Amino acid sequence: MSVNSISFTDSSLCPLVSSVPSFQNQNTLQVLNADVSLYPNPFSSQLTFSLASNEKTTASLYNFVGQRVLQQTFSNSTTINTEQLPEGIYYYALHNYKGVFKTGKVIKQ
């Protein structure tokens, strides 16, 4: 499996957050997608992360300028209170002891 990196940038292409790996192997990515549930999307007052395993995982949520606005460590699943967040697009990264294994985008309405 090879790994590419993804960087979040602003409209001037200035880096906003550290690069996070993205899995290039589509078969591996499909397996990881099947093991992670994130709901609802769009969300309003709560966002739930659920994993098929009980492995210790950290979920980080970043705003559109790349600032980490929430971080939660959990095993199996967690529901995060998001009432304090303004509406908009957010990016998440899930990582465990092996590193980042899932990234994506969610919308707060």
PDB file of N, CA and C in Angstrom:
ATOM      1  N   MET A   1       0.841  -1.161   0.000  1.00  0.00           N
ATOM      2  CA  MET A   1       0.000   0.000   0.000  1.00  0.00           C
ATOM      3  C   MET A   1       0.889   1.227   0.000  1.00  0.00           C
ATOM      4  N   SER A   2       0.611   2.161  -0.869  1.00  0.00           N
ATOM      5  CA  SER A   2       1.372   3.405  -0.869  1.00  0.00           C
ATOM      6  C   SER A   2       0.527   4.505  -0.237  1.00  0.00           C
ATOM      7  N   VAL A   3       1.177   5.531   0.267  1.00  0.00           N
ATOM      8  CA  VAL A   3       0.485   6.612   0.959  1.00  0.00           C
ATOM      9  C   VAL A   3       0.867   7.928   0.313  1.00  0.00           C
ATOM     10  N   ASN A   4      -0.129   8.723  -0.023  1.00  0.00           N
ATOM     11  CA  ASN A   4       0.076  10.088  -0.488  1.00  0.00           C
ATOM     12  C   ASN A   4      -0.274  11.008   0.662  1.00  0.00           C
ATOM     13  N   SER A   5       0.171  12.259   0.620  1.00  0.00           N
ATOM     14  CA  SER A   5      -0.246  13.176   1.673  1.00  0.00           C
ATOM     15  C   SER A   5      -1.221  14.192   1.106  1.00  0.00           C
ATOM     16  N   ILE A   6      -2.105  14.650   1.976  1.00  0.00           N
ATOM     17  CA  ILE A   6      -3.091  15.671   1.639  1.00  0.00           C
ATOM     18  C   ILE A   6      -2.837  16.833   2.569  1.00  0.00           C
ATOM     19  N   SER A   7      -2.795  18.051   2.041  1.00  0.00           N
ATOM     20  CA  SER A   7      -2.635  19.236   2.876  1.00  0.00           C
ATOM     21  C   SER A   7      -3.838  20.129   2.674  1.00  0.00           C
ATOM     22  N   PHE A   8      -4.323  20.730   3.746  1.00  0.00           N
ATOM     23  CA  PHE A   8      -5.396  21.705   3.654  1.00  0.00           C
ATOM     24  C   PHE A   8      -4.754  23.066   3.419  1.00  0.00           C
ATOM     25  N   THR A   9      -5.290  23.839   2.453  1.00  0.00           N
ATOM     26  CA  THR A   9      -4.763  25.170   2.157  1.00  0.00           C
ATOM     27  C   THR A   9      -5.905  26.170   2.080  1.00  0.00           C
ATOM     28  N   ASP A  10      -5.579  27.459   2.219  1.00  0.00           N
ATOM     29  CA  ASP A  10      -6.595  28.493   2.055  1.00  0.00           C
ATOM     30  C   ASP A  10      -6.665  28.906   0.587  1.00  0.00           C
ATOM     31  N   SER A  11      -7.463  29.933   0.286  1.00  0.00           N
ATOM     32  CA  SER A  11      -7.647  30.353  -1.107  1.00  0.00           C
ATOM     33  C   SER A  11      -6.366  30.889  -1.734  1.00  0.00           C
ATOM     34  N   SER A  12      -5.387  31.289  -0.921  1.00  0.00           N
ATOM     35  CA  SER A  12      -4.099  31.751  -1.429  1.00  0.00           C
ATOM     36  C   SER A  12      -3.084  30.618  -1.523  1.00  0.00           C
ATOM     37  N   LEU A  13      -3.559  29.381  -1.293  1.00  0.00           N
ATOM     38  CA  LEU A  13      -2.746  28.167  -1.304  1.00  0.00           C
ATOM     39  C   LEU A  13      -1.701  28.135  -0.189  1.00  0.00           C
ATOM     40  N   CYS A  14      -1.965  28.864   0.905  1.00  0.00           N
ATOM     41  CA  CYS A  14      -1.092  28.808   2.080  1.00  0.00           C
ATOM     42  C   CYS A  14      -1.500  27.601   2.921  1.00  0.00           C
ATOM     43  N   PRO A  15      -0.550  26.837   3.431  1.00  0.00           N
ATOM     44  CA  PRO A  15      -0.891  25.658   4.227  1.00  0.00           C
ATOM     45  C   PRO A  15      -1.619  26.047   5.509  1.00  0.00           C
ATOM     46  N   LEU A  16      -2.636  25.226   5.865  1.00  0.00           N
ATOM     47  CA  LEU A  16      -3.427  25.502   7.052  1.00  0.00           C
ATOM     48  C   LEU A  16      -3.169  24.501   8.168  1.00  0.00           C
ATOM     49  N   VAL A  17      -3.035  23.240   7.851  1.00  0.00           N
ATOM     50  CA  VAL A  17      -2.784  22.214   8.867  1.00  0.00           C
ATOM     51  C   VAL A  17      -1.718  21.282   8.353  1.00  0.00           C
ATOM     52  N   SER A  18      -1.187  20.510   9.255  1.00  0.00           N
ATOM     53  CA  SER A  18      -0.180  19.529   8.865  1.00  0.00           C
ATOM     54  C   SER A  18      -0.759  18.564   7.847  1.00  0.00           C
ATOM     55  N   SER A  19       0.092  18.035   7.015  1.00  0.00           N
ATOM     56  CA  SER A  19      -0.348  17.045   6.048  1.00  0.00           C
ATOM     57  C   SER A  19      -0.826  15.800   6.762  1.00  0.00           C
ATOM     58  N   VAL A  20      -1.862  15.193   6.213  1.00  0.00           N
ATOM     59  CA  VAL A  20      -2.339  13.921   6.733  1.00  0.00           C
ATOM     60  C   VAL A  20      -2.302  12.909   5.598  1.00  0.00           C
ATOM     61  N   PRO A  21      -1.962  11.660   5.877  1.00  0.00           N
ATOM     62  CA  PRO A  21      -1.858  10.693   4.793  1.00  0.00           C
ATOM     63  C   PRO A  21      -3.214  10.299   4.229  1.00  0.00           C
ATOM     64  N   SER A  22      -3.222   9.968   2.980  1.00  0.00           N
ATOM     65  CA  SER A  22      -4.396   9.456   2.282  1.00  0.00           C
ATOM     66  C   SER A  22      -3.999   8.143   1.630  1.00  0.00           C
ATOM     67  N   PHE A  23      -4.754   7.106   1.867  1.00  0.00           N
ATOM     68  CA  PHE A  23      -4.409   5.814   1.298  1.00  0.00           C
ATOM     69  C   PHE A  23      -4.732   5.786  -0.183  1.00  0.00           C
ATOM     70  N   GLN A  24      -3.758   5.403  -0.982  1.00  0.00           N
ATOM     71  CA  GLN A  24      -3.924   5.388  -2.429  1.00  0.00           C
ATOM     72  C   GLN A  24      -4.566   4.094  -2.897  1.00  0.00           C
ATOM     73  N   ASN A  25      -4.337   2.998  -2.226  1.00  0.00           N
ATOM     74  CA  ASN A  25      -4.873   1.703  -2.627  1.00  0.00           C
ATOM     75  C   ASN A  25      -6.383   1.697  -2.406  1.00  0.00           C
ATOM     76  N   GLN A  26      -7.167   1.679  -3.484  1.00  0.00           N
ATOM     77  CA  GLN A  26      -8.618   1.757  -3.390  1.00  0.00           C
ATOM     78  C   GLN A  26      -9.215   0.589  -2.612  1.00  0.00           C
ATOM     79  N   ASN A  27      -8.670  -0.619  -2.746  1.00  0.00           N
ATOM     80  CA  ASN A  27      -9.205  -1.759  -2.008  1.00  0.00           C
ATOM     81  C   ASN A  27      -9.064  -1.549  -0.507  1.00  0.00           C
ATOM     82  N   THR A  28      -7.925  -1.034  -0.078  1.00  0.00           N
ATOM     83  CA  THR A  28      -7.717  -0.756   1.340  1.00  0.00           C
ATOM     84  C   THR A  28      -8.669   0.332   1.808  1.00  0.00           C
ATOM     85  N   LEU A  29      -8.839   1.383   1.019  1.00  0.00           N
ATOM     86  CA  LEU A  29      -9.715   2.478   1.392  1.00  0.00           C
ATOM     87  C   LEU A  29     -11.144   1.982   1.551  1.00  0.00           C
ATOM     88  N   GLN A  30     -11.612   1.112   0.676  1.00  0.00           N
ATOM     89  CA  GLN A  30     -12.960   0.585   0.782  1.00  0.00           C
ATOM     90  C   GLN A  30     -13.145  -0.208   2.068  1.00  0.00           C
ATOM     91  N   VAL A  31     -12.158  -0.987   2.446  1.00  0.00           N
ATOM     92  CA  VAL A  31     -12.241  -1.739   3.696  1.00  0.00           C
ATOM     93  C   VAL A  31     -12.325  -0.776   4.873  1.00  0.00           C
ATOM     94  N   LEU A  32     -11.484   0.280   4.871  1.00  0.00           N
ATOM     95  CA  LEU A  32     -11.523   1.248   5.961  1.00  0.00           C
ATOM     96  C   LEU A  32     -12.862   1.971   6.008  1.00  0.00           C
ATOM     97  N   ASN A  33     -13.423   2.335   4.862  1.00  0.00           N
ATOM     98  CA  ASN A  33     -14.709   3.003   4.846  1.00  0.00           C
ATOM     99  C   ASN A  33     -15.791   2.127   5.453  1.00  0.00           C
ATOM    100  N   ALA A  34     -15.731   0.814   5.237  1.00  0.00           N
ATOM    101  CA  ALA A  34     -16.720  -0.096   5.774  1.00  0.00           C
ATOM    102  C   ALA A  34     -16.614  -0.193   7.288  1.00  0.00           C
ATOM    103  N   ASP A  35     -15.441   0.083   7.852  1.00  0.00           N
ATOM    104  CA  ASP A  35     -15.216  -0.048   9.282  1.00  0.00           C
ATOM    105  C   ASP A  35     -15.477   1.235  10.057  1.00  0.00           C
ATOM    106  N   VAL A  36     -15.774   2.340   9.386  1.00  0.00           N
ATOM    107  CA  VAL A  36     -15.979   3.635  10.040  1.00  0.00           C
ATOM    108  C   VAL A  36     -17.337   4.189   9.630  1.00  0.00           C
ATOM    109  N   SER A  37     -18.116   4.612  10.633  1.00  0.00           N
ATOM    110  CA  SER A  37     -19.373   5.312  10.361  1.00  0.00           C
ATOM    111  C   SER A  37     -19.292   6.692  10.992  1.00  0.00           C
ATOM    112  N   LEU A  38     -19.762   7.666  10.254  1.00  0.00           N
ATOM    113  CA  LEU A  38     -19.785   9.051  10.726  1.00  0.00           C
ATOM    114  C   LEU A  38     -21.167   9.587  10.396  1.00  0.00           C
ATOM    115  N   TYR A  39     -21.911  10.031  11.399  1.00  0.00           N
ATOM    116  CA  TYR A  39     -23.284  10.463  11.160  1.00  0.00           C
ATOM    117  C   TYR A  39     -23.748  11.434  12.237  1.00  0.00           C
ATOM    118  N   PRO A  40     -24.773  12.254  11.962  1.00  0.00           N
ATOM    119  CA  PRO A  40     -25.328  12.498  10.622  1.00  0.00           C
ATOM    120  C   PRO A  40     -24.430  13.455   9.843  1.00  0.00           C
ATOM    121  N   ASN A  41     -24.580  13.474   8.574  1.00  0.00           N
ATOM    122  CA  ASN A  41     -23.866  14.418   7.726  1.00  0.00           C
ATOM    123  C   ASN A  41     -24.833  14.879   6.641  1.00  0.00           C
ATOM    124  N   PRO A  42     -25.314  16.104   6.725  1.00  0.00           N
ATOM    125  CA  PRO A  42     -24.897  17.192   7.604  1.00  0.00           C
ATOM    126  C   PRO A  42     -25.355  16.967   9.054  1.00  0.00           C
ATOM    127  N   PHE A  43     -24.642  17.631   9.990  1.00  0.00           N
ATOM    128  CA  PHE A  43     -24.954  17.522  11.407  1.00  0.00           C
ATOM    129  C   PHE A  43     -25.391  18.886  11.943  1.00  0.00           C
ATOM    130  N   SER A  44     -25.963  18.873  13.160  1.00  0.00           N
ATOM    131  CA  SER A  44     -26.331  20.155  13.773  1.00  0.00           C
ATOM    132  C   SER A  44     -25.732  20.256  15.171  1.00  0.00           C
ATOM    133  N   SER A  45     -26.238  19.506  16.132  1.00  0.00           N
ATOM    134  CA  SER A  45     -25.765  19.660  17.507  1.00  0.00           C
ATOM    135  C   SER A  45     -24.884  18.514  17.984  1.00  0.00           C
ATOM    136  N   GLN A  46     -24.838  17.403  17.241  1.00  0.00           N
ATOM    137  CA  GLN A  46     -24.020  16.256  17.617  1.00  0.00           C
ATOM    138  C   GLN A  46     -23.456  15.583  16.378  1.00  0.00           C
ATOM    139  N   LEU A  47     -22.269  14.993  16.542  1.00  0.00           N
ATOM    140  CA  LEU A  47     -21.612  14.242  15.475  1.00  0.00           C
ATOM    141  C   LEU A  47     -21.100  12.948  16.091  1.00  0.00           C
ATOM    142  N   THR A  48     -21.463  11.817  15.495  1.00  0.00           N
ATOM    143  CA  THR A  48     -21.093  10.511  16.032  1.00  0.00           C
ATOM    144  C   THR A  48     -20.092   9.826  15.124  1.00  0.00           C
ATOM    145  N   PHE A  49     -19.014   9.318  15.732  1.00  0.00           N
ATOM    146  CA  PHE A  49     -18.024   8.481  15.059  1.00  0.00           C
ATOM    147  C   PHE A  49     -18.187   7.071  15.628  1.00  0.00           C
ATOM    148  N   SER A  50     -18.266   6.079  14.754  1.00  0.00           N
ATOM    149  CA  SER A  50     -18.420   4.703  15.200  1.00  0.00           C
ATOM    150  C   SER A  50     -17.476   3.803  14.406  1.00  0.00           C
ATOM    151  N   LEU A  51     -16.746   2.945  15.115  1.00  0.00           N
ATOM    152  CA  LEU A  51     -15.781   2.032  14.501  1.00  0.00           C
ATOM    153  C   LEU A  51     -16.201   0.595  14.729  1.00  0.00           C
ATOM    154  N   ALA A  52     -15.802  -0.289  13.838  1.00  0.00           N
ATOM    155  CA  ALA A  52     -16.089  -1.710  13.999  1.00  0.00           C
ATOM    156  C   ALA A  52     -15.185  -2.344  15.056  1.00  0.00           C
ATOM    157  N   SER A  53     -14.064  -1.700  15.378  1.00  0.00           N
ATOM    158  CA  SER A  53     -13.128  -2.250  16.361  1.00  0.00           C
ATOM    159  C   SER A  53     -13.178  -1.439  17.655  1.00  0.00           C
ATOM    160  N   ASN A  54     -12.569  -1.977  18.691  1.00  0.00           N
ATOM    161  CA  ASN A  54     -12.463  -1.277  19.974  1.00  0.00           C
ATOM    162  C   ASN A  54     -11.116  -0.593  20.128  1.00  0.00           C
ATOM    163  N   GLU A  55     -10.414  -0.380  19.025  1.00  0.00           N
ATOM    164  CA  GLU A  55      -9.088   0.218  19.047  1.00  0.00           C
ATOM    165  C   GLU A  55      -9.168   1.689  19.455  1.00  0.00           C
ATOM    166  N   LYS A  56      -8.256   2.112  20.325  1.00  0.00           N
ATOM    167  CA  LYS A  56      -8.207   3.517  20.755  1.00  0.00           C
ATOM    168  C   LYS A  56      -7.949   4.394  19.531  1.00  0.00           C
ATOM    169  N   THR A  57      -8.836   5.374  19.320  1.00  0.00           N
ATOM    170  CA  THR A  57      -8.797   6.244  18.139  1.00  0.00           C
ATOM    171  C   THR A  57      -9.016   7.686  18.571  1.00  0.00           C
ATOM    172  N   THR A  58      -8.379   8.610  17.882  1.00  0.00           N
ATOM    173  CA  THR A  58      -8.598  10.034  18.130  1.00  0.00           C
ATOM    174  C   THR A  58      -9.225  10.661  16.889  1.00  0.00           C
ATOM    175  N   ALA A  59     -10.334  11.375  17.108  1.00  0.00           N
ATOM    176  CA  ALA A  59     -11.001  12.119  16.045  1.00  0.00           C
ATOM    177  C   ALA A  59     -10.667  13.590  16.224  1.00  0.00           C
ATOM    178  N   SER A  60     -10.184  14.228  15.164  1.00  0.00           N
ATOM    179  CA  SER A  60      -9.902  15.664  15.175  1.00  0.00           C
ATOM    180  C   SER A  60     -10.779  16.327  14.133  1.00  0.00           C
ATOM    181  N   LEU A  61     -11.361  17.460  14.491  1.00  0.00           N
ATOM    182  CA  LEU A  61     -12.229  18.212  13.592  1.00  0.00           C
ATOM    183  C   LEU A  61     -11.599  19.579  13.364  1.00  0.00           C
ATOM    184  N   TYR A  62     -11.468  19.969  12.080  1.00  0.00           N
ATOM    185  CA  TYR A  62     -10.822  21.224  11.694  1.00  0.00           C
ATOM    186  C   TYR A  62     -11.827  22.121  10.981  1.00  0.00           C
ATOM    187  N   ASN A  63     -11.742  23.436  11.216  1.00  0.00           N
ATOM    188  CA  ASN A  63     -12.607  24.357  10.496  1.00  0.00           C
ATOM    189  C   ASN A  63     -12.028  24.636   9.106  1.00  0.00           C
ATOM    190  N   PHE A  64     -12.681  25.505   8.346  1.00  0.00           N
ATOM    191  CA  PHE A  64     -12.276  25.750   6.958  1.00  0.00           C
ATOM    192  C   PHE A  64     -10.918  26.437   6.831  1.00  0.00           C
ATOM    193  N   VAL A  65     -10.398  27.032   7.906  1.00  0.00           N
ATOM    194  CA  VAL A  65      -9.071  27.631   7.847  1.00  0.00           C
ATOM    195  C   VAL A  65      -8.006  26.714   8.438  1.00  0.00           C
ATOM    196  N   GLY A  66      -8.395  25.485   8.766  1.00  0.00           N
ATOM    197  CA  GLY A  66      -7.439  24.494   9.233  1.00  0.00           C
ATOM    198  C   GLY A  66      -7.150  24.495  10.714  1.00  0.00           C
ATOM    199  N   GLN A  67      -7.906  25.252  11.499  1.00  0.00           N
ATOM    200  CA  GLN A  67      -7.719  25.247  12.948  1.00  0.00           C
ATOM    201  C   GLN A  67      -8.456  24.063  13.549  1.00  0.00           C
ATOM    202  N   ARG A  68      -7.777  23.322  14.425  1.00  0.00           N
ATOM    203  CA  ARG A  68      -8.455  22.215  15.098  1.00  0.00           C
ATOM    204  C   ARG A  68      -9.443  22.801  16.092  1.00  0.00           C
ATOM    205  N   VAL A  69     -10.709  22.444  15.942  1.00  0.00           N
ATOM    206  CA  VAL A  69     -11.758  22.998  16.799  1.00  0.00           C
ATOM    207  C   VAL A  69     -12.263  21.982  17.817  1.00  0.00           C
ATOM    208  N   LEU A  70     -12.070  20.699  17.543  1.00  0.00           N
ATOM    209  CA  LEU A  70     -12.474  19.642  18.470  1.00  0.00           C
ATOM    210  C   LEU A  70     -11.509  18.471  18.347  1.00  0.00           C
ATOM    211  N   GLN A  71     -11.332  17.784  19.463  1.00  0.00           N
ATOM    212  CA  GLN A  71     -10.548  16.547  19.439  1.00  0.00           C
ATOM    213  C   GLN A  71     -11.095  15.637  20.521  1.00  0.00           C
ATOM    214  N   GLN A  72     -11.308  14.380  20.180  1.00  0.00           N
ATOM    215  CA  GLN A  72     -11.868  13.414  21.117  1.00  0.00           C
ATOM    216  C   GLN A  72     -11.192  12.068  20.913  1.00  0.00           C
ATOM    217  N   THR A  73     -10.721  11.459  21.993  1.00  0.00           N
ATOM    218  CA  THR A  73     -10.165  10.114  21.930  1.00  0.00           C
ATOM    219  C   THR A  73     -11.219   9.144  22.433  1.00  0.00           C
ATOM    220  N   PHE A  74     -11.362   8.017  21.734  1.00  0.00           N
ATOM    221  CA  PHE A  74     -12.425   7.070  22.077  1.00  0.00           C
ATOM    222  C   PHE A  74     -12.067   5.664  21.612  1.00  0.00           C
ATOM    223  N   SER A  75     -12.843   4.713  22.067  1.00  0.00           N
ATOM    224  CA  SER A  75     -12.785   3.330  21.590  1.00  0.00           C
ATOM    225  C   SER A  75     -14.190   2.956  21.151  1.00  0.00           C
ATOM    226  N   ASN A  76     -14.338   2.363  20.014  1.00  0.00           N
ATOM    227  CA  ASN A  76     -15.588   1.899  19.426  1.00  0.00           C
ATOM    228  C   ASN A  76     -16.463   3.026  18.892  1.00  0.00           C
ATOM    229  N   SER A  77     -16.958   3.944  19.764  1.00  0.00           N
ATOM    230  CA  SER A  77     -17.774   5.047  19.252  1.00  0.00           C
ATOM    231  C   SER A  77     -17.787   6.208  20.237  1.00  0.00           C
ATOM    232  N   THR A  78     -18.106   7.381  19.704  1.00  0.00           N
ATOM    233  CA  THR A  78     -18.261   8.575  20.534  1.00  0.00           C
ATOM    234  C   THR A  78     -19.230   9.524  19.838  1.00  0.00           C
ATOM    235  N   THR A  79     -19.963  10.279  20.633  1.00  0.00           N
ATOM    236  CA  THR A  79     -20.826  11.330  20.118  1.00  0.00           C
ATOM    237  C   THR A  79     -20.307  12.644  20.683  1.00  0.00           C
ATOM    238  N   ILE A  80     -19.991  13.567  19.788  1.00  0.00           N
ATOM    239  CA  ILE A  80     -19.380  14.839  20.171  1.00  0.00           C
ATOM    240  C   ILE A  80     -20.438  15.939  20.105  1.00  0.00           C
ATOM    241  N   ASN A  81     -20.505  16.746  21.163  1.00  0.00           N
ATOM    242  CA  ASN A  81     -21.395  17.899  21.183  1.00  0.00           C
ATOM    243  C   ASN A  81     -20.809  18.982  20.272  1.00  0.00           C
ATOM    244  N   THR A  82     -21.576  19.403  19.277  1.00  0.00           N
ATOM    245  CA  THR A  82     -21.101  20.389  18.301  1.00  0.00           C
ATOM    246  C   THR A  82     -21.939  21.667  18.307  1.00  0.00           C
ATOM    247  N   GLU A  83     -22.743  21.864  19.353  1.00  0.00           N
ATOM    248  CA  GLU A  83     -23.615  23.040  19.407  1.00  0.00           C
ATOM    249  C   GLU A  83     -22.843  24.347  19.302  1.00  0.00           C
ATOM    250  N   GLN A  84     -21.616  24.392  19.864  1.00  0.00           N
ATOM    251  CA  GLN A  84     -20.839  25.635  19.896  1.00  0.00           C
ATOM    252  C   GLN A  84     -20.214  25.987  18.553  1.00  0.00           C
ATOM    253  N   LEU A  85     -20.231  25.079  17.598  1.00  0.00           N
ATOM    254  CA  LEU A  85     -19.600  25.330  16.297  1.00  0.00           C
ATOM    255  C   LEU A  85     -20.530  26.108  15.373  1.00  0.00           C
ATOM    256  N   PRO A  86     -20.002  27.099  14.652  1.00  0.00           N
ATOM    257  CA  PRO A  86     -20.830  27.791  13.657  1.00  0.00           C
ATOM    258  C   PRO A  86     -21.090  26.896  12.447  1.00  0.00           C
ATOM    259  N   GLU A  87     -22.126  27.209  11.701  1.00  0.00           N
ATOM    260  CA  GLU A  87     -22.428  26.457  10.480  1.00  0.00           C
ATOM    261  C   GLU A  87     -21.265  26.575   9.506  1.00  0.00           C
ATOM    262  N   GLY A  88     -21.046  25.528   8.730  1.00  0.00           N
ATOM    263  CA  GLY A  88     -19.986  25.560   7.733  1.00  0.00           C
ATOM    264  C   GLY A  88     -19.451  24.183   7.427  1.00  0.00           C
ATOM    265  N   ILE A  89     -18.357  24.158   6.694  1.00  0.00           N
ATOM    266  CA  ILE A  89     -17.704  22.913   6.284  1.00  0.00           C
ATOM    267  C   ILE A  89     -16.550  22.638   7.237  1.00  0.00           C
ATOM    268  N   TYR A  90     -16.449  21.389   7.671  1.00  0.00           N
ATOM    269  CA  TYR A  90     -15.384  20.957   8.568  1.00  0.00           C
ATOM    270  C   TYR A  90     -14.694  19.728   7.974  1.00  0.00           C
ATOM    271  N   TYR A  91     -13.448  19.551   8.314  1.00  0.00           N
ATOM    272  CA  TYR A  91     -12.672  18.393   7.883  1.00  0.00           C
ATOM    273  C   TYR A  91     -12.305  17.584   9.111  1.00  0.00           C
ATOM    274  N   TYR A  92     -12.342  16.268   8.977  1.00  0.00           N
ATOM    275  CA  TYR A  92     -11.982  15.428  10.113  1.00  0.00           C
ATOM    276  C   TYR A  92     -10.829  14.507   9.742  1.00  0.00           C
ATOM    277  N   ALA A  93     -10.114  14.079  10.763  1.00  0.00           N
ATOM    278  CA  ALA A  93      -9.053  13.083  10.614  1.00  0.00           C
ATOM    279  C   ALA A  93      -9.177  12.112  11.781  1.00  0.00           C
ATOM    280  N   LEU A  94      -9.162  10.831  11.471  1.00  0.00           N
ATOM    281  CA  LEU A  94      -9.166   9.788  12.494  1.00  0.00           C
ATOM    282  C   LEU A  94      -7.795   9.144  12.509  1.00  0.00           C
ATOM    283  N   HIS A  95      -7.220   8.997  13.695  1.00  0.00           N
ATOM    284  CA  HIS A  95      -5.924   8.341  13.769  1.00  0.00           C
ATOM    285  C   HIS A  95      -5.846   7.436  14.990  1.00  0.00           C
ATOM    286  N   ASN A  96      -5.013   6.412  14.840  1.00  0.00           N
ATOM    287  CA  ASN A  96      -4.754   5.462  15.916  1.00  0.00           C
ATOM    288  C   ASN A  96      -3.240   5.351  16.078  1.00  0.00           C
ATOM    289  N   TYR A  97      -2.781   4.303  16.738  1.00  0.00           N
ATOM    290  CA  TYR A  97      -1.336   4.165  16.976  1.00  0.00           C
ATOM    291  C   TYR A  97      -0.535   3.991  15.689  1.00  0.00           C
ATOM    292  N   LYS A  98      -1.187   3.631  14.591  1.00  0.00           N
ATOM    293  CA  LYS A  98      -0.496   3.464  13.308  1.00  0.00           C
ATOM    294  C   LYS A  98      -0.428   4.770  12.519  1.00  0.00           C
ATOM    295  N   GLY A  99      -1.210   5.772  12.905  1.00  0.00           N
ATOM    296  CA  GLY A  99      -1.257   7.041  12.184  1.00  0.00           C
ATOM    297  C   GLY A  99      -2.663   7.350  11.695  1.00  0.00           C
ATOM    298  N   VAL A 100      -2.783   8.332  10.821  1.00  0.00           N
ATOM    299  CA  VAL A 100      -4.082   8.732  10.280  1.00  0.00           C
ATOM    300  C   VAL A 100      -4.569   7.659   9.323  1.00  0.00           C
ATOM    301  N   PHE A 101      -5.816   7.209   9.518  1.00  0.00           N
ATOM    302  CA  PHE A 101      -6.344   6.171   8.636  1.00  0.00           C
ATOM    303  C   PHE A 101      -7.624   6.570   7.924  1.00  0.00           C
ATOM    304  N   LYS A 102      -8.178   7.740   8.246  1.00  0.00           N
ATOM    305  CA  LYS A 102      -9.399   8.172   7.566  1.00  0.00           C
ATOM    306  C   LYS A 102      -9.504   9.679   7.671  1.00  0.00           C
ATOM    307  N   THR A 103      -9.795  10.332   6.563  1.00  0.00           N
ATOM    308  CA  THR A 103     -10.057  11.767   6.536  1.00  0.00           C
ATOM    309  C   THR A 103     -11.312  12.016   5.724  1.00  0.00           C
ATOM    310  N   GLY A 104     -11.915  13.153   5.928  1.00  0.00           N
ATOM    311  CA  GLY A 104     -13.112  13.471   5.151  1.00  0.00           C
ATOM    312  C   GLY A 104     -13.660  14.836   5.502  1.00  0.00           C
ATOM    313  N   LYS A 105     -14.843  15.105   4.967  1.00  0.00           N
ATOM    314  CA  LYS A 105     -15.495  16.399   5.107  1.00  0.00           C
ATOM    315  C   LYS A 105     -16.905  16.194   5.654  1.00  0.00           C
ATOM    316  N   VAL A 106     -17.300  17.064   6.580  1.00  0.00           N
ATOM    317  CA  VAL A 106     -18.665  17.068   7.104  1.00  0.00           C
ATOM    318  C   VAL A 106     -19.200  18.502   7.085  1.00  0.00           C
ATOM    319  N   ILE A 107     -20.504  18.631   7.132  1.00  0.00           N
ATOM    320  CA  ILE A 107     -21.129  19.951   7.051  1.00  0.00           C
ATOM    321  C   ILE A 107     -22.016  20.166   8.269  1.00  0.00           C
ATOM    322  N   LYS A 108     -21.867  21.322   8.903  1.00  0.00           N
ATOM    323  CA  LYS A 108     -22.741  21.714  10.013  1.00  0.00           C
ATOM    324  C   LYS A 108     -23.808  22.639   9.471  1.00  0.00           C
ATOM    325  N   GLN A 109     -25.064  22.298   9.757  1.00  0.00           N
ATOM    326  CA  GLN A 109     -26.185  23.151   9.323  1.00  0.00           C
ATOM    327  C   GLN A 109     -26.889  23.725  10.532  1.00  0.00           C
TER     328      GLN A 109
END
